[in-house]
Amino acid sequence: MELKDEIGTTEERPWGNFTILDEGSGYKVKRIEVFPGKRLSYQRHSKRAEHWFVVAGTAKATLNDEEFILSSGEKIDIRIGDAHRVENPHESEICIFIEVQTGTYFGEDDIVRLDDDFGRVA
């Protein structure tokens, strides 16, 4: 059985941070901030899908090697197994998006990193 994270918990990362907004059976919701010029790992998951909804700034999303520019109010869906990454292309503005995960497991160990700016590729 997976242990649940505490709602409202914020975790810092080299690219920004995320806060857990809600979690229940089959879903987890996060608020994610990406600092200017930073990006997350190019990664995939085997047990969860993700839906990203940009609420502030601009996100450059890569989905299976195709790039998309998303502004506030726009979204993208990532299926289980899709290779994906988000980055903030701006030099001075934070990108904030809401990530809704759905699936059977939401642990950080369900991340397979394909590329990473911070040396975290296995």
Protein backbone atom coordinates (compact mmCIF):
# COMPACT_ATOMS: atom_id res chain seq x y z
CA MET A 1 0.00 0.00 0.00
CA GLU A 2 1.32 3.43 -0.96
CA LEU A 3 1.74 6.01 1.78
CA LYS A 4 -0.04 9.26 1.04
CA ASP A 5 1.81 12.58 1.11
CA GLU A 6 0.52 15.30 3.37
CA ILE A 7 -1.78 17.74 1.59
CA GLY A 8 -0.13 21.15 1.38
CA THR A 9 3.38 19.71 1.47
CA THR A 10 5.79 21.65 -0.76
CA GLU A 11 8.95 20.01 -2.08
CA GLU A 12 11.83 22.01 -3.55
CA ARG A 13 13.59 20.79 -6.67
CA PRO A 14 16.51 22.24 -8.69
CA TRP A 15 14.00 23.41 -11.35
CA GLY A 16 11.40 24.90 -8.95
CA ASN A 17 8.92 23.25 -6.58
CA PHE A 18 5.62 21.43 -6.27
CA THR A 19 2.84 21.47 -3.70
CA ILE A 20 0.43 18.59 -3.21
CA LEU A 21 -3.12 20.00 -3.36
CA ASP A 22 -5.18 16.81 -3.10
CA GLU A 23 -4.83 13.05 -3.24
CA GLY A 24 -7.24 10.15 -3.23
CA SER A 25 -7.87 6.71 -4.64
CA GLY A 26 -6.71 6.85 -8.27
CA TYR A 27 -5.58 10.49 -8.38
CA LYS A 28 -3.12 13.12 -7.12
CA VAL A 29 -3.17 16.89 -7.78
CA LYS A 30 -0.07 19.12 -7.66
CA ARG A 31 0.66 22.83 -8.15
CA ILE A 32 4.01 23.03 -9.94
CA GLU A 33 6.26 26.10 -10.29
CA VAL A 34 9.06 26.06 -12.86
CA PHE A 35 11.70 28.76 -12.42
CA PRO A 36 12.71 30.93 -15.41
CA GLY A 37 14.95 29.04 -17.84
CA LYS A 38 14.59 25.71 -16.00
CA ARG A 39 13.08 22.41 -17.07
CA LEU A 40 12.13 19.07 -15.58
CA SER A 41 13.52 15.71 -16.68
CA TYR A 42 12.46 14.23 -19.98
CA GLN A 43 10.68 11.23 -18.48
CA ARG A 44 7.94 8.63 -18.63
CA HIS A 45 5.75 6.74 -16.16
CA SER A 46 4.40 3.20 -16.27
CA LYS A 47 1.59 3.59 -13.71
CA ARG A 48 0.14 7.05 -14.19
CA ALA A 49 -1.11 9.52 -16.77
CA GLU A 50 -0.92 13.30 -16.31
CA HIS A 51 -3.00 16.31 -17.33
CA TRP A 52 -1.25 19.70 -17.21
CA PHE A 53 -3.22 22.96 -17.06
CA VAL A 54 -1.13 26.15 -17.24
CA VAL A 55 -2.37 28.87 -14.86
CA ALA A 56 0.46 31.45 -15.08
CA GLY A 57 3.30 32.14 -17.46
CA THR A 58 4.21 30.01 -20.46
CA ALA A 59 5.18 26.34 -20.60
CA LYS A 60 7.15 24.62 -23.33
CA ALA A 61 5.94 21.02 -23.23
CA THR A 62 7.67 18.18 -25.03
CA LEU A 63 5.49 15.14 -25.67
CA ASN A 64 7.06 12.18 -27.48
CA ASP A 65 9.68 14.49 -29.06
CA GLU A 66 7.07 17.03 -30.29
CA GLU A 67 7.16 20.53 -28.73
CA PHE A 68 4.13 22.64 -27.77
CA ILE A 69 3.97 26.19 -26.35
CA LEU A 70 1.20 26.50 -23.76
CA SER A 71 -0.05 29.80 -22.35
CA SER A 72 -2.20 30.41 -19.31
CA GLY A 73 -5.52 28.58 -19.76
CA GLU A 74 -4.11 25.91 -22.08
CA LYS A 75 -3.59 22.22 -21.34
CA ILE A 76 -1.94 19.02 -22.51
CA ASP A 77 -2.60 15.36 -21.74
CA ILE A 78 0.17 12.81 -21.16
CA ARG A 79 -0.78 9.14 -21.43
CA ILE A 80 0.86 6.32 -19.50
CA GLY A 81 4.20 5.57 -21.18
CA ASP A 82 4.47 8.90 -23.06
CA ALA A 83 7.86 10.61 -22.94
CA HIS A 84 7.31 14.15 -21.63
CA ARG A 85 8.97 17.25 -20.23
CA VAL A 86 7.98 20.77 -19.29
CA GLU A 87 10.22 23.80 -19.29
CA ASN A 88 9.90 27.51 -18.67
CA PRO A 89 11.25 29.32 -21.74
CA HIS A 90 11.17 32.78 -20.09
CA GLU A 91 14.08 34.53 -18.40
CA SER A 92 12.12 36.41 -15.73
CA GLU A 93 8.63 34.92 -15.29
CA ILE A 94 7.66 31.83 -13.27
CA CYS A 95 5.55 29.18 -15.01
CA ILE A 96 2.82 27.64 -12.84
CA PHE A 97 0.66 24.71 -13.84
CA ILE A 98 -1.70 22.29 -12.17
CA GLU A 99 -0.89 18.63 -12.71
CA VAL A 100 -3.62 16.02 -12.26
CA GLN A 101 -2.24 12.50 -12.09
CA THR A 102 -4.51 9.50 -12.61
CA GLY A 103 -3.55 5.87 -12.30
CA THR A 104 -2.62 3.17 -9.84
CA TYR A 105 0.60 4.53 -8.28
CA PHE A 106 2.01 8.05 -7.83
CA GLY A 107 5.38 7.55 -6.16
CA GLU A 108 8.46 9.40 -7.38
CA ASP A 109 10.04 5.99 -8.11
CA ASP A 110 7.67 5.61 -11.11
CA ILE A 111 9.85 8.12 -12.98
CA VAL A 112 12.12 6.81 -15.74
CA ARG A 113 14.39 9.72 -16.65
CA LEU A 114 15.45 9.77 -20.31
CA ASP A 115 17.36 13.08 -20.04
CA ASP A 116 18.03 15.40 -17.10
CA ASP A 117 19.83 18.72 -16.64
CA PHE A 118 20.75 17.82 -13.06
CA GLY A 119 22.48 14.44 -13.56
CA ARG A 120 19.58 12.29 -12.34
CA VAL A 121 19.42 9.89 -15.32
CA ALA A 122 19.75 6.27 -14.16
